N, C-alpha and C. Protein backbone atom coordinates (compact mmCIF):
# COMPACT_ATOMS: atom_id res chain seq x y z
N MET A 1 0.90 -1.25 -0.02
CA MET A 1 -0.08 -0.11 0.04
C MET A 1 1.06 1.28 0.00
N HIS A 2 0.43 2.18 -0.97
CA HIS A 2 1.19 3.41 -0.90
C HIS A 2 0.61 4.77 -0.38
N ILE A 3 1.16 5.14 0.65
CA ILE A 3 0.78 6.38 1.41
C ILE A 3 1.59 7.50 1.23
N MET A 4 0.81 8.61 0.69
CA MET A 4 1.34 9.80 0.46
C MET A 4 1.21 10.74 1.74
N ILE A 5 2.23 11.69 2.00
CA ILE A 5 2.44 12.50 3.01
C ILE A 5 2.59 13.88 2.51
N ILE A 6 1.57 14.68 2.78
CA ILE A 6 1.75 16.18 2.51
C ILE A 6 1.89 17.00 3.68
N GLU A 7 3.05 17.51 4.04
CA GLU A 7 3.44 17.93 5.45
C GLU A 7 4.46 18.95 5.01
N ASP A 8 4.56 20.18 5.61
CA ASP A 8 5.41 21.25 5.30
C ASP A 8 6.63 21.16 6.10
N ASP A 9 6.55 20.53 7.42
CA ASP A 9 7.56 20.33 8.26
C ASP A 9 8.46 19.15 7.81
N ALA A 10 9.76 19.40 7.48
CA ALA A 10 10.41 18.26 6.95
C ALA A 10 10.84 17.18 8.08
N LYS A 11 11.00 17.70 9.25
CA LYS A 11 11.26 16.84 10.26
C LYS A 11 10.23 15.70 10.50
N ILE A 12 8.89 16.19 10.49
CA ILE A 12 7.75 15.49 10.60
C ILE A 12 7.62 14.61 9.42
N ARG A 13 7.66 14.97 8.26
CA ARG A 13 7.45 14.22 6.99
C ARG A 13 8.60 12.91 7.07
N ALA A 14 9.72 13.20 7.38
CA ALA A 14 10.72 12.23 7.71
C ALA A 14 10.50 11.19 8.73
N GLU A 15 9.76 11.85 9.80
CA GLU A 15 9.40 10.95 10.90
C GLU A 15 8.27 10.01 10.47
N LEU A 16 7.23 10.44 9.76
CA LEU A 16 6.09 9.76 9.34
C LEU A 16 6.47 8.69 8.29
N ALA A 17 7.36 9.13 7.38
CA ALA A 17 7.63 8.20 6.44
C ALA A 17 8.59 7.01 7.03
N LYS A 18 9.43 7.29 7.90
CA LYS A 18 10.12 6.15 8.71
C LYS A 18 9.25 5.22 9.43
N LEU A 19 8.22 5.84 9.96
CA LEU A 19 7.31 4.94 10.79
C LEU A 19 6.47 4.13 9.85
N LEU A 20 6.12 4.61 8.67
CA LEU A 20 5.26 3.89 7.92
C LEU A 20 6.11 2.76 6.84
N ASN A 21 7.11 3.16 6.69
CA ASN A 21 8.17 2.33 6.03
C ASN A 21 8.33 1.08 6.76
N LYS A 22 8.70 1.34 8.16
CA LYS A 22 9.06 0.26 9.15
C LYS A 22 7.70 -0.51 9.29
N HIS A 23 6.48 -0.28 9.01
CA HIS A 23 5.44 -1.13 9.14
C HIS A 23 4.81 -1.52 7.72
N GLY A 24 5.75 -1.40 6.72
CA GLY A 24 5.68 -2.14 5.42
C GLY A 24 4.76 -1.18 4.36
N TYR A 25 4.55 -0.25 4.54
CA TYR A 25 3.91 0.87 3.81
C TYR A 25 5.02 1.53 2.79
N GLN A 26 4.71 1.38 1.49
CA GLN A 26 5.47 2.56 0.82
C GLN A 26 5.06 3.76 0.82
N THR A 27 5.75 4.93 0.84
CA THR A 27 5.55 6.19 1.13
C THR A 27 6.29 7.15 0.05
N SER A 28 5.53 8.26 -0.06
CA SER A 28 6.18 9.39 -0.86
C SER A 28 5.68 10.61 -0.13
N ALA A 29 6.52 11.69 0.11
CA ALA A 29 6.43 12.74 0.93
C ALA A 29 6.74 14.09 0.17
N TYR A 30 5.71 15.07 0.30
CA TYR A 30 5.85 16.29 -0.23
C TYR A 30 5.72 17.50 0.70
N GLU A 31 6.36 18.69 0.37
CA GLU A 31 5.91 19.93 1.27
C GLU A 31 4.57 20.37 1.00
N THR A 32 4.15 20.26 -0.10
CA THR A 32 2.91 21.02 -0.37
C THR A 32 2.19 20.20 -1.45
N TYR A 33 1.07 20.47 -1.96
CA TYR A 33 0.25 19.92 -2.96
C TYR A 33 0.73 20.44 -4.31
N TYR A 34 0.79 19.64 -5.35
CA TYR A 34 0.50 20.12 -6.63
C TYR A 34 -0.08 18.87 -7.44
N GLU A 35 -0.90 19.03 -8.41
CA GLU A 35 -1.79 18.00 -9.01
C GLU A 35 -0.89 16.73 -9.49
N ASP A 36 0.35 17.05 -10.10
CA ASP A 36 1.10 16.17 -10.70
C ASP A 36 1.32 15.03 -9.84
N ILE A 37 1.48 15.34 -8.51
CA ILE A 37 1.99 14.10 -7.62
C ILE A 37 0.97 12.95 -7.44
N LEU A 38 -0.18 13.34 -7.80
CA LEU A 38 -1.12 12.20 -7.85
C LEU A 38 -1.03 11.20 -8.85
N ARG A 39 -0.14 11.50 -9.68
CA ARG A 39 0.26 10.45 -10.76
C ARG A 39 0.85 9.14 -9.96
N ASN A 40 1.40 9.37 -8.86
CA ASN A 40 2.11 8.25 -7.91
C ASN A 40 0.96 7.29 -7.55
N LYS A 41 -0.28 7.67 -7.70
CA LYS A 41 -1.54 6.89 -7.41
C LYS A 41 -1.53 6.15 -5.96
N PRO A 42 -1.44 7.16 -5.06
CA PRO A 42 -1.44 6.61 -3.46
C PRO A 42 -2.79 5.82 -3.20
N ASP A 43 -2.75 5.09 -1.96
CA ASP A 43 -3.89 4.43 -1.61
C ASP A 43 -4.62 5.34 -0.66
N LEU A 44 -3.63 6.00 0.14
CA LEU A 44 -4.16 7.14 1.01
C LEU A 44 -3.29 8.22 1.23
N ILE A 45 -3.93 9.47 1.69
CA ILE A 45 -3.05 10.59 1.79
C ILE A 45 -3.22 11.02 3.35
N LEU A 46 -1.90 11.29 4.08
CA LEU A 46 -1.88 11.99 5.22
C LEU A 46 -1.62 13.40 4.95
N LEU A 47 -2.55 14.40 5.39
CA LEU A 47 -2.58 15.75 5.01
C LEU A 47 -2.56 16.51 6.08
N ASP A 48 -1.68 17.60 6.14
CA ASP A 48 -1.47 18.64 7.17
C ASP A 48 -2.52 19.67 6.63
N ILE A 49 -3.00 20.56 7.58
CA ILE A 49 -3.81 21.70 7.44
C ILE A 49 -3.05 22.97 6.89
N ASN A 50 -2.12 23.43 7.86
CA ASN A 50 -1.28 24.44 7.55
C ASN A 50 -0.17 24.15 6.46
N LEU A 51 -0.32 24.53 5.25
CA LEU A 51 0.87 24.61 4.05
C LEU A 51 1.04 25.59 3.51
N PRO A 52 2.13 25.90 2.80
CA PRO A 52 2.48 27.10 2.03
C PRO A 52 1.47 27.47 1.18
N ASN A 53 1.20 28.80 1.02
CA ASN A 53 0.24 29.33 0.24
C ASN A 53 -1.11 28.67 0.10
N THR A 54 -1.67 27.67 1.01
CA THR A 54 -2.83 27.23 0.79
C THR A 54 -3.25 26.41 2.19
N ASN A 55 -4.23 25.63 2.28
CA ASN A 55 -4.51 25.00 3.42
C ASN A 55 -4.90 23.57 3.06
N GLY A 56 -5.08 22.77 4.02
CA GLY A 56 -5.40 21.39 3.72
C GLY A 56 -6.81 21.23 3.43
N PHE A 57 -7.65 22.02 3.95
CA PHE A 57 -9.01 21.90 3.51
C PHE A 57 -9.35 21.97 2.04
N LYS A 58 -8.80 23.18 1.49
CA LYS A 58 -8.73 23.29 -0.07
C LYS A 58 -8.12 22.34 -0.76
N ILE A 59 -7.09 21.70 -0.38
CA ILE A 59 -6.48 20.70 -1.16
C ILE A 59 -7.31 19.43 -1.11
N CYS A 60 -7.82 19.16 0.16
CA CYS A 60 -8.69 17.84 0.14
C CYS A 60 -9.82 17.95 -0.63
N GLN A 61 -10.40 19.26 -0.70
CA GLN A 61 -11.70 19.51 -1.67
C GLN A 61 -11.29 19.31 -3.09
N LYS A 62 -10.09 19.78 -3.46
CA LYS A 62 -9.56 19.54 -4.97
C LYS A 62 -9.33 18.10 -5.21
N ILE A 63 -8.84 17.54 -4.46
CA ILE A 63 -8.46 16.09 -4.60
C ILE A 63 -9.77 15.27 -4.78
N LYS A 64 -10.71 15.43 -3.84
CA LYS A 64 -12.01 14.72 -3.91
C LYS A 64 -12.83 14.98 -5.12
N GLN A 65 -12.42 16.09 -5.80
CA GLN A 65 -13.49 16.34 -6.94
C GLN A 65 -13.10 15.49 -8.13
N LYS A 66 -11.87 14.92 -8.12
CA LYS A 66 -11.43 13.88 -9.27
C LYS A 66 -10.90 12.62 -8.60
N TYR A 67 -10.67 12.39 -7.54
CA TYR A 67 -10.27 11.05 -6.97
C TYR A 67 -10.91 10.55 -5.80
N SER A 68 -11.07 9.25 -5.53
CA SER A 68 -11.63 8.69 -4.47
C SER A 68 -10.60 8.19 -3.41
N ILE A 69 -9.61 9.01 -3.13
CA ILE A 69 -8.59 8.83 -2.24
C ILE A 69 -8.90 9.08 -0.88
N PRO A 70 -8.71 8.01 0.08
CA PRO A 70 -9.05 8.44 1.57
C PRO A 70 -7.96 9.53 2.06
N ILE A 71 -8.32 10.32 2.87
CA ILE A 71 -7.43 11.57 3.35
C ILE A 71 -7.82 11.44 4.83
N ILE A 72 -6.56 11.29 5.59
CA ILE A 72 -6.57 11.51 6.90
C ILE A 72 -5.76 12.83 7.24
N PHE A 73 -6.52 13.93 7.97
CA PHE A 73 -5.87 15.14 8.29
C PHE A 73 -4.86 14.61 9.68
N VAL A 74 -3.75 15.19 9.57
CA VAL A 74 -2.61 14.96 10.72
C VAL A 74 -2.14 16.27 10.84
N THR A 75 -2.55 17.02 12.10
CA THR A 75 -2.43 18.51 12.21
C THR A 75 -2.15 18.82 13.49
N SER A 76 -1.51 19.95 13.94
CA SER A 76 -1.39 20.57 15.19
C SER A 76 -2.72 21.36 15.57
N ARG A 77 -3.45 21.77 14.54
CA ARG A 77 -4.78 22.33 14.90
C ARG A 77 -5.80 21.48 15.55
N ASN A 78 -6.33 21.51 16.75
CA ASN A 78 -7.03 20.64 17.30
C ASN A 78 -8.41 20.98 17.80
N THR A 79 -9.07 21.99 17.20
CA THR A 79 -10.34 22.53 17.75
C THR A 79 -11.43 21.83 17.08
N ASP A 80 -12.73 21.77 17.68
CA ASP A 80 -13.80 21.11 16.98
C ASP A 80 -14.02 21.72 15.60
N GLU A 81 -13.85 23.07 15.55
CA GLU A 81 -14.27 23.61 14.13
C GLU A 81 -13.28 23.01 13.19
N ASP A 82 -11.96 22.96 13.49
CA ASP A 82 -10.98 22.24 12.41
C ASP A 82 -11.51 20.83 12.06
N GLU A 83 -12.05 20.02 12.94
CA GLU A 83 -12.36 18.72 12.85
C GLU A 83 -13.48 18.75 12.06
N LEU A 84 -14.60 19.51 12.10
CA LEU A 84 -15.66 19.75 11.42
C LEU A 84 -15.38 20.06 10.00
N LEU A 85 -14.48 21.14 9.90
CA LEU A 85 -14.18 21.51 8.64
C LEU A 85 -13.46 20.36 7.66
N SER A 86 -12.61 19.57 8.46
CA SER A 86 -11.97 18.39 7.66
C SER A 86 -13.06 17.40 7.22
N ILE A 87 -14.03 17.14 7.95
CA ILE A 87 -15.20 16.25 7.55
C ILE A 87 -15.91 16.80 6.36
N LYS A 88 -16.20 18.21 6.49
CA LYS A 88 -16.88 18.81 5.36
C LYS A 88 -15.91 18.89 4.11
N ALA A 89 -14.70 18.77 4.16
CA ALA A 89 -13.81 18.93 3.10
C ALA A 89 -13.64 17.60 2.44
N GLY A 90 -14.15 16.68 2.96
CA GLY A 90 -13.95 15.32 2.47
C GLY A 90 -13.02 14.25 3.32
N GLY A 91 -12.30 14.79 4.34
CA GLY A 91 -11.35 13.67 5.05
C GLY A 91 -12.16 12.69 5.83
N ILE A 92 -11.57 11.61 5.85
CA ILE A 92 -12.32 10.45 6.60
C ILE A 92 -11.83 10.19 8.19
N ASP A 93 -10.75 11.00 8.50
CA ASP A 93 -10.54 10.89 9.94
C ASP A 93 -9.51 12.10 10.03
N PHE A 94 -9.31 12.29 11.32
CA PHE A 94 -8.38 13.56 11.98
C PHE A 94 -7.64 13.15 13.18
N ILE A 95 -6.40 13.21 13.26
CA ILE A 95 -5.38 13.10 14.35
C ILE A 95 -4.74 14.25 14.56
N THR A 96 -4.44 14.57 15.80
CA THR A 96 -3.88 15.90 16.25
C THR A 96 -2.23 15.35 16.62
N LYS A 97 -1.27 16.42 16.19
CA LYS A 97 0.00 16.39 16.77
C LYS A 97 0.10 16.93 18.10
N PRO A 98 1.06 16.39 18.85
CA PRO A 98 1.89 15.32 18.71
C PRO A 98 0.91 13.96 18.69
N TYR A 99 1.14 13.16 17.68
CA TYR A 99 0.20 11.87 17.48
C TYR A 99 0.70 10.75 18.17
N ASN A 100 -0.11 10.09 18.73
CA ASN A 100 0.35 8.43 19.21
C ASN A 100 0.49 7.66 17.95
N LYS A 101 1.64 7.04 17.96
CA LYS A 101 1.98 6.21 16.75
C LYS A 101 0.97 5.10 16.53
N SER A 102 0.83 4.36 17.75
CA SER A 102 -0.13 3.19 17.77
C SER A 102 -1.53 3.64 17.02
N ILE A 103 -2.07 4.80 17.60
CA ILE A 103 -3.50 5.25 17.23
C ILE A 103 -3.49 5.53 15.79
N LEU A 104 -2.26 6.18 15.40
CA LEU A 104 -2.15 6.84 13.77
C LEU A 104 -2.19 5.61 12.89
N LEU A 105 -1.43 4.37 13.20
CA LEU A 105 -1.18 3.22 12.49
C LEU A 105 -2.41 2.50 12.53
N GLU A 106 -3.38 2.60 13.58
CA GLU A 106 -4.67 1.91 13.50
C GLU A 106 -5.59 2.56 12.72
N LYS A 107 -5.60 4.10 12.75
CA LYS A 107 -6.45 4.68 11.93
C LYS A 107 -6.11 4.49 10.46
N ILE A 108 -4.82 4.40 10.18
CA ILE A 108 -4.51 4.21 8.77
C ILE A 108 -4.96 2.75 8.16
N LYS A 109 -4.68 1.75 9.00
CA LYS A 109 -5.21 0.39 8.93
C LYS A 109 -6.80 0.40 8.45
N ARG A 110 -7.46 0.96 9.46
CA ARG A 110 -8.87 1.06 9.30
C ARG A 110 -9.29 1.65 8.03
N ALA A 111 -8.64 2.78 7.70
CA ALA A 111 -9.04 3.51 6.59
C ALA A 111 -8.89 2.82 5.30
N LEU A 112 -7.71 2.11 5.18
CA LEU A 112 -7.51 1.29 4.03
C LEU A 112 -8.46 0.08 3.93
N ASN A 113 -8.61 -0.60 5.28
CA ASN A 113 -9.59 -1.60 4.98
C ASN A 113 -11.10 -1.19 4.80
N ASN A 114 -11.41 -0.05 5.03
CA ASN A 114 -12.92 0.44 4.75
C ASN A 114 -13.00 0.96 3.66
N THR A 115 -11.95 1.41 2.76
CA THR A 115 -12.04 1.75 1.38
C THR A 115 -11.37 0.97 0.30
N ASN A 116 -11.12 -0.17 0.61
CA ASN A 116 -10.50 -1.23 -0.21
C ASN A 116 -11.59 -2.09 -0.76
N PRO A 117 -11.95 -1.98 -2.14
CA PRO A 117 -12.92 -2.72 -2.68
C PRO A 117 -12.81 -4.17 -2.56
N LYS A 118 -11.53 -4.52 -2.57
CA LYS A 118 -11.27 -6.09 -2.42
C LYS A 118 -12.06 -6.76 -1.26
N ASN A 119 -12.40 -5.82 -0.13
CA ASN A 119 -13.00 -6.46 1.15
C ASN A 119 -14.60 -6.28 0.80
N TYR A 120 -14.94 -5.78 -0.37
CA TYR A 120 -16.60 -6.02 -0.49
C TYR A 120 -16.93 -7.19 -1.28
N LYS A 121 -17.94 -7.58 -1.36
CA LYS A 121 -18.55 -8.32 -2.24
C LYS A 121 -19.07 -7.74 -3.38
N GLU A 122 -19.71 -6.46 -3.15
CA GLU A 122 -20.45 -5.76 -4.25
C GLU A 122 -20.16 -4.28 -3.97
N ILE A 123 -20.29 -3.67 -5.15
CA ILE A 123 -20.31 -2.12 -5.12
C ILE A 123 -21.53 -1.76 -5.76
N THR A 124 -22.16 -0.63 -5.02
CA THR A 124 -23.55 -0.32 -5.70
C THR A 124 -23.28 1.44 -5.83
N LYS A 125 -23.52 1.63 -7.24
CA LYS A 125 -23.36 3.17 -7.43
C LYS A 125 -24.77 3.41 -8.59
N LYS A 126 -25.42 4.57 -8.05
CA LYS A 126 -26.43 5.05 -8.92
C LYS A 126 -27.75 3.97 -9.05
N GLY A 127 -27.76 3.11 -8.10
CA GLY A 127 -28.80 2.21 -8.29
C GLY A 127 -28.32 0.81 -9.01
N TYR A 128 -27.21 1.03 -9.56
CA TYR A 128 -26.59 -0.46 -10.05
C TYR A 128 -25.70 -0.99 -9.34
N THR A 129 -25.62 -2.34 -9.12
CA THR A 129 -24.64 -3.11 -8.26
C THR A 129 -23.99 -4.01 -9.08
N LEU A 130 -22.57 -4.00 -8.77
CA LEU A 130 -21.54 -4.79 -9.48
C LEU A 130 -21.16 -5.93 -8.42
N ASP A 131 -21.21 -7.18 -8.76
CA ASP A 131 -20.84 -8.33 -7.97
C ASP A 131 -19.34 -8.49 -8.32
N LEU A 132 -18.65 -8.18 -7.35
CA LEU A 132 -17.03 -8.35 -7.53
C LEU A 132 -16.47 -9.75 -7.65
N HIS A 133 -17.37 -10.55 -7.16
CA HIS A 133 -16.88 -12.15 -7.07
C HIS A 133 -17.20 -12.94 -8.28
N LEU A 134 -18.47 -12.57 -8.64
CA LEU A 134 -19.21 -13.43 -9.78
C LEU A 134 -19.08 -12.63 -11.22
N ALA A 135 -18.59 -11.31 -11.32
CA ALA A 135 -18.46 -10.56 -12.45
C ALA A 135 -20.10 -10.35 -13.10
N ILE A 136 -20.95 -9.90 -12.03
CA ILE A 136 -22.33 -9.68 -12.51
C ILE A 136 -22.84 -8.34 -12.35
N LEU A 137 -23.54 -7.73 -13.21
CA LEU A 137 -24.23 -6.37 -13.16
C LEU A 137 -25.58 -6.67 -12.77
N LYS A 138 -26.03 -6.02 -11.72
CA LYS A 138 -27.46 -6.20 -11.19
C LYS A 138 -28.10 -4.99 -11.38
N PHE A 139 -29.43 -5.00 -11.64
CA PHE A 139 -30.20 -3.76 -11.58
C PHE A 139 -31.72 -4.18 -11.30
N GLN A 140 -32.26 -3.64 -10.22
CA GLN A 140 -33.61 -4.16 -9.79
C GLN A 140 -33.42 -5.77 -9.61
N ASP A 141 -34.34 -6.24 -10.23
CA ASP A 141 -34.44 -7.87 -10.12
C ASP A 141 -33.77 -8.60 -11.30
N GLN A 142 -33.00 -7.96 -12.00
CA GLN A 142 -32.39 -8.57 -13.14
C GLN A 142 -30.79 -8.53 -13.06
N GLU A 143 -30.01 -9.24 -13.82
CA GLU A 143 -28.70 -9.28 -13.81
C GLU A 143 -28.25 -9.84 -15.00
N VAL A 144 -26.99 -9.76 -15.30
CA VAL A 144 -26.29 -9.92 -16.42
C VAL A 144 -24.67 -10.29 -16.18
N GLU A 145 -24.20 -11.60 -16.77
CA GLU A 145 -22.85 -11.74 -16.64
C GLU A 145 -22.01 -10.88 -17.57
N LEU A 146 -20.79 -10.61 -16.99
CA LEU A 146 -19.77 -9.89 -17.78
C LEU A 146 -18.66 -10.61 -17.92
N THR A 147 -17.90 -10.54 -19.23
CA THR A 147 -16.58 -10.97 -19.56
C THR A 147 -15.58 -10.39 -18.63
N ARG A 148 -14.43 -10.85 -18.70
CA ARG A 148 -13.31 -10.56 -17.90
C ARG A 148 -12.96 -8.92 -18.11
N ASN A 149 -13.01 -8.69 -19.64
CA ASN A 149 -12.56 -7.41 -19.91
C ASN A 149 -13.69 -6.40 -19.73
N GLU A 150 -15.05 -6.84 -19.81
CA GLU A 150 -16.16 -6.10 -19.67
C GLU A 150 -16.14 -5.54 -18.09
N PHE A 151 -15.84 -6.63 -17.45
CA PHE A 151 -15.91 -6.31 -15.86
C PHE A 151 -14.90 -5.28 -15.43
N ARG A 152 -13.72 -5.47 -16.03
CA ARG A 152 -12.55 -4.64 -15.61
C ARG A 152 -12.93 -3.13 -16.11
N ILE A 153 -13.53 -3.01 -17.11
CA ILE A 153 -13.85 -1.58 -17.55
C ILE A 153 -14.84 -0.99 -16.40
N LEU A 154 -16.00 -1.94 -16.41
CA LEU A 154 -17.05 -1.50 -15.49
C LEU A 154 -16.59 -1.14 -14.01
N TYR A 155 -15.76 -2.17 -13.51
CA TYR A 155 -15.13 -1.82 -12.24
C TYR A 155 -14.49 -0.67 -12.00
N TYR A 156 -13.79 -0.27 -12.93
CA TYR A 156 -12.90 1.16 -12.88
C TYR A 156 -13.95 2.42 -12.81
N PHE A 157 -15.05 2.07 -13.72
CA PHE A 157 -15.94 3.35 -13.55
C PHE A 157 -16.72 3.25 -12.32
N PHE A 158 -16.97 2.18 -11.88
CA PHE A 158 -17.64 2.04 -10.54
C PHE A 158 -16.71 2.71 -9.20
N LEU A 159 -15.34 2.53 -9.33
CA LEU A 159 -14.41 3.11 -8.44
C LEU A 159 -14.26 4.48 -8.65
N ASN A 160 -14.75 5.03 -9.93
CA ASN A 160 -14.45 6.64 -10.08
C ASN A 160 -15.80 7.04 -10.66
N SER A 161 -16.83 6.71 -9.94
CA SER A 161 -18.11 7.13 -10.54
C SER A 161 -18.44 8.58 -10.37
N GLU A 162 -17.66 9.32 -9.70
CA GLU A 162 -18.01 10.86 -9.51
C GLU A 162 -17.29 11.53 -10.64
N ARG A 163 -16.49 10.74 -11.53
CA ARG A 163 -15.65 11.47 -12.40
C ARG A 163 -15.84 11.22 -13.61
N ILE A 164 -15.50 12.08 -14.75
CA ILE A 164 -15.61 11.79 -16.23
C ILE A 164 -14.15 11.06 -16.57
N ILE A 165 -14.18 10.06 -17.28
CA ILE A 165 -12.98 9.09 -17.50
C ILE A 165 -12.66 9.26 -19.07
N SER A 166 -11.44 9.79 -19.30
CA SER A 166 -11.05 9.94 -20.71
C SER A 166 -10.73 8.53 -21.45
N LYS A 167 -10.69 8.43 -22.78
CA LYS A 167 -10.20 7.15 -23.16
C LYS A 167 -8.72 6.99 -22.86
N ASP A 168 -7.91 7.99 -23.01
CA ASP A 168 -6.60 7.62 -22.66
C ASP A 168 -6.12 7.43 -20.96
N GLU A 169 -7.17 7.83 -20.21
CA GLU A 169 -6.90 7.10 -19.03
C GLU A 169 -7.43 5.73 -18.97
N LEU A 170 -8.37 5.46 -19.63
CA LEU A 170 -8.78 3.85 -19.41
C LEU A 170 -7.74 3.03 -20.30
N LEU A 171 -7.15 3.51 -21.21
CA LEU A 171 -6.37 2.77 -21.85
C LEU A 171 -4.97 2.79 -21.16
N GLU A 172 -4.58 3.49 -20.31
CA GLU A 172 -3.38 3.61 -19.28
C GLU A 172 -3.84 2.60 -18.32
N TYR A 173 -4.97 2.56 -17.78
CA TYR A 173 -5.43 1.70 -16.63
C TYR A 173 -5.28 0.24 -17.30
N LEU A 174 -5.63 0.05 -18.49
CA LEU A 174 -5.68 -1.27 -19.06
C LEU A 174 -4.53 -1.71 -19.82
N TRP A 175 -3.62 -0.90 -19.82
CA TRP A 175 -2.30 -1.03 -20.57
C TRP A 175 -1.50 -2.36 -20.47
N ASN A 176 -1.61 -3.04 -19.36
CA ASN A 176 -0.88 -4.39 -19.32
C ASN A 176 -1.68 -5.45 -19.71
N ASP A 177 -2.71 -5.11 -20.21
CA ASP A 177 -3.60 -6.26 -20.78
C ASP A 177 -3.55 -6.40 -22.24
N LYS A 178 -2.98 -7.58 -22.55
CA LYS A 178 -2.64 -7.71 -24.16
C LYS A 178 -3.80 -7.74 -25.03
N TYR A 179 -5.30 -7.78 -24.32
CA TYR A 179 -6.27 -7.63 -25.19
C TYR A 179 -6.33 -6.40 -25.82
N TYR A 180 -6.13 -5.27 -25.05
CA TYR A 180 -6.14 -3.79 -25.40
C TYR A 180 -5.06 -3.45 -26.07
N LEU A 181 -5.13 -3.58 -27.36
CA LEU A 181 -3.78 -2.98 -28.15
C LEU A 181 -4.14 -1.72 -28.84
N ASP A 182 -5.41 -1.14 -28.89
CA ASP A 182 -5.77 -0.05 -29.39
C ASP A 182 -7.16 0.37 -28.99
N GLU A 183 -7.72 1.54 -29.30
CA GLU A 183 -8.76 2.36 -28.97
C GLU A 183 -9.79 1.62 -29.34
N THR A 184 -9.84 0.94 -30.79
CA THR A 184 -10.95 0.24 -31.16
C THR A 184 -11.37 -0.81 -30.34
N ILE A 185 -10.70 -1.73 -30.02
CA ILE A 185 -10.94 -2.73 -29.01
C ILE A 185 -11.62 -2.27 -27.75
N LEU A 186 -11.12 -1.08 -27.18
CA LEU A 186 -11.50 -0.75 -25.89
C LEU A 186 -13.20 -0.06 -26.36
N LEU A 187 -13.31 0.62 -27.37
CA LEU A 187 -14.58 0.92 -27.77
C LEU A 187 -15.66 -0.18 -28.11
N VAL A 188 -15.11 -1.24 -28.59
CA VAL A 188 -15.90 -2.45 -28.68
C VAL A 188 -16.45 -2.89 -27.27
N ASN A 189 -15.70 -2.94 -26.50
CA ASN A 189 -15.94 -3.69 -25.20
C ASN A 189 -16.77 -2.64 -24.41
N ILE A 190 -16.81 -1.45 -24.55
CA ILE A 190 -17.70 -0.19 -23.94
C ILE A 190 -19.08 -0.46 -24.39
N ASN A 191 -19.21 -0.72 -25.72
CA ASN A 191 -20.42 -0.89 -26.24
C ASN A 191 -21.12 -2.05 -25.89
N ARG A 192 -20.33 -3.30 -25.90
CA ARG A 192 -20.94 -4.45 -25.17
C ARG A 192 -21.52 -4.38 -23.79
N VAL A 193 -20.74 -3.60 -22.99
CA VAL A 193 -21.01 -3.37 -21.76
C VAL A 193 -22.37 -2.39 -21.64
N ARG A 194 -22.70 -1.55 -22.46
CA ARG A 194 -23.84 -0.67 -22.77
C ARG A 194 -25.03 -1.57 -23.06
N LYS A 195 -24.69 -2.53 -24.15
CA LYS A 195 -25.66 -3.39 -24.47
C LYS A 195 -26.27 -4.47 -23.60
N LYS A 196 -25.42 -5.03 -22.82
CA LYS A 196 -25.65 -5.84 -21.73
C LYS A 196 -26.54 -5.07 -20.61
N ALA A 197 -26.11 -3.79 -20.19
CA ALA A 197 -26.70 -2.84 -19.39
C ALA A 197 -28.07 -2.64 -19.73
N SER A 198 -28.43 -2.24 -21.11
CA SER A 198 -29.60 -1.98 -21.79
C SER A 198 -30.42 -3.23 -21.59
N ASP A 199 -30.10 -4.21 -21.71
CA ASP A 199 -30.79 -5.53 -21.68
C ASP A 199 -31.33 -5.76 -20.43
N ILE A 200 -30.91 -5.26 -19.22
CA ILE A 200 -31.32 -5.40 -18.00
C ILE A 200 -32.12 -4.28 -17.50
N GLY A 201 -32.31 -3.21 -18.55
CA GLY A 201 -33.14 -2.01 -18.27
C GLY A 201 -32.34 -0.76 -17.64
N ILE A 202 -30.87 -0.89 -17.76
CA ILE A 202 -30.26 0.23 -17.42
C ILE A 202 -29.92 1.26 -18.65
N LYS A 203 -30.48 2.28 -18.71
CA LYS A 203 -30.53 3.21 -19.71
C LYS A 203 -29.27 4.15 -19.59
N ASN A 204 -28.45 4.42 -20.71
CA ASN A 204 -27.37 5.56 -20.65
C ASN A 204 -26.30 4.94 -19.87
N LEU A 205 -25.94 3.97 -19.57
CA LEU A 205 -24.90 3.62 -18.86
C LEU A 205 -23.39 3.95 -19.47
N LEU A 206 -22.56 4.60 -19.07
CA LEU A 206 -21.26 4.90 -19.54
C LEU A 206 -21.58 6.09 -20.63
N THR A 207 -22.16 7.16 -20.00
CA THR A 207 -22.57 8.16 -20.94
C THR A 207 -21.15 8.88 -21.64
N THR A 208 -21.33 9.14 -22.80
CA THR A 208 -20.20 9.95 -23.34
C THR A 208 -20.43 11.29 -23.41
N ILE A 209 -19.34 11.98 -22.73
CA ILE A 209 -19.10 13.24 -22.56
C ILE A 209 -18.27 13.92 -23.84
N ARG A 210 -19.04 14.44 -24.59
CA ARG A 210 -18.12 14.82 -25.67
C ARG A 210 -16.87 15.60 -25.49
N GLY A 211 -15.74 15.30 -26.22
CA GLY A 211 -14.49 15.80 -25.84
C GLY A 211 -13.72 15.58 -24.84
N GLN A 212 -14.44 14.80 -23.91
CA GLN A 212 -13.71 14.47 -22.56
C GLN A 212 -13.72 13.01 -22.19
N GLY A 213 -14.73 12.21 -22.54
CA GLY A 213 -14.64 10.82 -22.06
C GLY A 213 -15.96 10.26 -21.79
N TYR A 214 -15.95 9.36 -20.64
CA TYR A 214 -17.41 8.60 -20.25
C TYR A 214 -17.48 8.98 -18.82
N LYS A 215 -18.76 8.66 -18.41
CA LYS A 215 -19.13 8.89 -17.08
C LYS A 215 -20.17 7.83 -16.60
N LEU A 216 -19.92 7.21 -15.52
CA LEU A 216 -21.01 6.17 -15.21
C LEU A 216 -22.47 6.81 -15.05
């Protein structure tokens, strides 16, 4: 699991990274946030509130607009208002400095377990349910089986249901799969998913957003 640390204090960054590495996590650490760092695709972010030229609340909101990454605030600010603002911004937990190492590690473990789709049997979005074990799409009292490739595509959309996903992003996600050698094969599979969804009464699954991509 990869945990990203966004913290302006170099000593605390190093301390957190050392602690997490010791417990088997991969880490990356930054003084502040810039969008390119999310190319590292972290599984969780530890985020400070007081950062150069911005604050953690704004960063959390910006990240949540595009990504479903769990965020824990780790900060010296400890008022009820700060904790409330962290929840409103999209944070899933809040811990104050100086932090208890055991408590922090347990919060991280819980957050990763609670947000890891591998721990789920099903994911439901917008009234549609994807069975992760049987590769079945369900809607109301109907269901349809998916091929491996159809399932992988739909699974990615379910994980990112709040975002528009471009063709390039889908191709990058599927890059290691030898079945996906070009955009044409990707489009064929998307159309098959749409047809199967329509057969069980789901209208307009994977809507095309012109010039941008697709949305669940």
